[in-house]
Amino acid sequence: MSFEKKEMIEQLKFEIRMIEKGGYSPSVRDPRHEPEMFRESVTCLNVGLEEKENPCTSCFLSEFAPPGIRDAHDDLCHKIPLNEKGDTIDSLKAKGDPEKLQSTLLGWLKSTVARLEREDAAGL
């Protein structure tokens, strides 16, 4: 599936603002609930739904998941390699360090936006 590059850039910039403004921090109403990166954002096609109605492959974030898993997994956004070590949201979440998860995701978002903006400017 092909997605509009400018739209992808805007959505990723939204996610950067979400992290920088503490949008993925636990809420005062439910401090034990750790919000799910991407899944609890308007970026997700299934946000607020009890059950998924839209396949993850319909989401622009699926473009960043490794090709071999795109058709085989749900929650593709949690399988995106975020750095050269191959850390993903899932793997970092399992380590129980939300600050590291957020900083790693923020780094990936910023570098991905910069790359997409360069490609867009070059007409790629």
Protein backbone atom coordinates (compact mmCIF):
# COMPACT_ATOMS: atom_id res chain seq x y z
CA MET A 1 0.00 0.00 0.00
CA SER A 2 1.34 3.41 -0.89
CA PHE A 3 0.82 6.36 1.41
CA GLU A 4 1.17 10.08 0.73
CA LYS A 5 4.58 11.18 2.02
CA LYS A 6 3.41 14.62 3.24
CA GLU A 7 0.62 12.99 5.24
CA MET A 8 3.07 10.54 6.78
CA ILE A 9 5.36 13.42 7.77
CA GLU A 10 2.49 15.29 9.42
CA GLN A 11 1.36 12.21 11.34
CA LEU A 12 4.89 11.51 12.55
CA LYS A 13 5.31 15.15 13.61
CA PHE A 14 2.07 14.80 15.58
CA GLU A 15 3.57 11.81 17.39
CA ILE A 16 6.70 13.85 18.19
CA ARG A 17 4.52 16.56 19.74
CA MET A 18 2.59 13.90 21.67
CA ILE A 19 5.76 12.55 23.27
CA GLU A 20 7.29 15.97 23.91
CA LYS A 21 4.10 17.18 25.62
CA GLY A 22 3.77 14.07 27.79
CA GLY A 23 0.84 12.60 25.90
CA TYR A 24 2.02 9.07 26.58
CA SER A 25 2.51 9.62 30.30
CA PRO A 26 0.12 7.94 32.73
CA SER A 27 -3.02 9.98 33.34
CA VAL A 28 -3.87 11.50 36.71
CA ARG A 29 -7.18 9.60 36.62
CA ASP A 30 -5.49 6.24 36.10
CA PRO A 31 -1.80 6.48 37.10
CA ARG A 32 -1.24 2.73 36.78
CA HIS A 33 -2.24 2.68 33.11
CA GLU A 34 0.75 3.13 30.81
CA PRO A 35 -0.60 4.44 27.48
CA GLU A 36 0.35 2.37 24.45
CA MET A 37 2.60 4.18 21.99
CA PHE A 38 0.83 4.70 18.65
CA ARG A 39 -2.14 2.51 19.66
CA GLU A 40 -3.66 5.18 21.93
CA SER A 41 -3.14 8.00 19.48
CA VAL A 42 -5.33 9.40 16.74
CA THR A 43 -2.63 8.06 14.43
CA CYS A 44 -4.07 4.57 15.02
CA LEU A 45 -6.97 3.61 12.77
CA ASN A 46 -8.44 1.63 15.67
CA VAL A 47 -8.04 4.18 18.47
CA GLY A 48 -10.92 4.03 20.94
CA LEU A 49 -12.38 0.83 19.51
CA GLU A 50 -12.96 -2.18 21.73
CA GLU A 51 -11.95 -4.50 18.89
CA LYS A 52 -9.86 -3.72 15.84
CA GLU A 53 -11.94 -2.97 12.79
CA ASN A 54 -9.09 -1.96 10.50
CA PRO A 55 -6.11 -4.17 9.70
CA CYS A 56 -2.69 -2.84 10.69
CA THR A 57 -1.65 -3.11 7.05
CA SER A 58 -4.06 -0.22 6.31
CA CYS A 59 -1.96 2.08 8.52
CA PHE A 60 0.91 4.13 7.11
CA LEU A 61 3.14 2.88 9.95
CA SER A 62 3.07 -0.60 8.40
CA GLU A 63 5.40 0.81 5.72
CA PHE A 64 8.16 0.96 8.37
CA ALA A 65 7.75 -2.61 9.64
CA PRO A 66 10.07 -5.28 8.23
CA PRO A 67 8.56 -6.66 5.00
CA GLY A 68 8.60 -10.26 6.21
CA ILE A 69 6.15 -9.61 9.03
CA ARG A 70 3.71 -7.16 7.44
CA ASP A 71 1.08 -9.75 6.60
CA ALA A 72 1.68 -12.04 9.54
CA HIS A 73 1.30 -9.73 12.55
CA ASP A 74 -1.04 -7.32 14.25
CA ASP A 75 0.36 -4.23 15.92
CA LEU A 76 2.95 -3.70 13.21
CA CYS A 77 3.75 -0.29 14.70
CA HIS A 78 5.22 -2.10 17.70
CA LYS A 79 7.51 -4.17 15.46
CA ILE A 80 9.24 -1.25 13.70
CA PRO A 81 13.03 -1.30 14.29
CA LEU A 82 13.73 2.01 16.03
CA ASN A 83 17.52 1.98 16.01
CA GLU A 84 20.55 0.15 14.66
CA LYS A 85 20.26 -2.45 17.46
CA GLY A 86 16.80 -3.39 16.20
CA ASP A 87 14.95 -2.28 19.34
CA THR A 88 11.19 -2.06 18.84
CA ILE A 89 8.38 -0.70 20.97
CA ASP A 90 7.62 -4.29 22.01
CA SER A 91 11.21 -5.11 22.97
CA LEU A 92 11.75 -1.85 24.87
CA LYS A 93 8.39 -2.18 26.62
CA ALA A 94 9.42 -5.63 27.83
CA LYS A 95 12.49 -4.08 29.50
CA GLY A 96 10.22 -1.92 31.67
CA ASP A 97 11.94 1.42 31.07
CA PRO A 98 9.30 3.85 29.74
CA GLU A 99 11.77 6.75 29.57
CA LYS A 100 14.14 4.77 27.34
CA LEU A 101 11.21 3.66 25.20
CA GLN A 102 10.02 7.24 24.73
CA SER A 103 13.50 8.63 24.01
CA THR A 104 14.25 5.84 21.51
CA LEU A 105 10.91 6.31 19.77
CA LEU A 106 11.39 10.08 19.71
CA GLY A 107 14.81 9.64 18.10
CA TRP A 108 13.33 7.33 15.45
CA LEU A 109 10.46 9.73 14.77
CA LYS A 110 12.77 12.72 14.31
CA SER A 111 15.23 10.89 12.07
CA THR A 112 12.40 9.39 10.01
CA VAL A 113 10.73 12.79 9.54
CA ALA A 114 14.06 14.30 8.46
CA ARG A 115 14.63 11.47 5.97
CA LEU A 116 11.11 11.72 4.54
CA GLU A 117 11.41 15.50 4.21
CA ARG A 118 14.71 15.10 2.31
CA GLU A 119 13.13 12.50 0.02
CA ASP A 120 10.08 14.72 -0.53
CA ALA A 121 12.27 17.73 -1.37
CA ALA A 122 14.22 15.59 -3.84
CA GLY A 123 11.00 14.37 -5.44
CA LEU A 124 11.52 10.76 -4.41
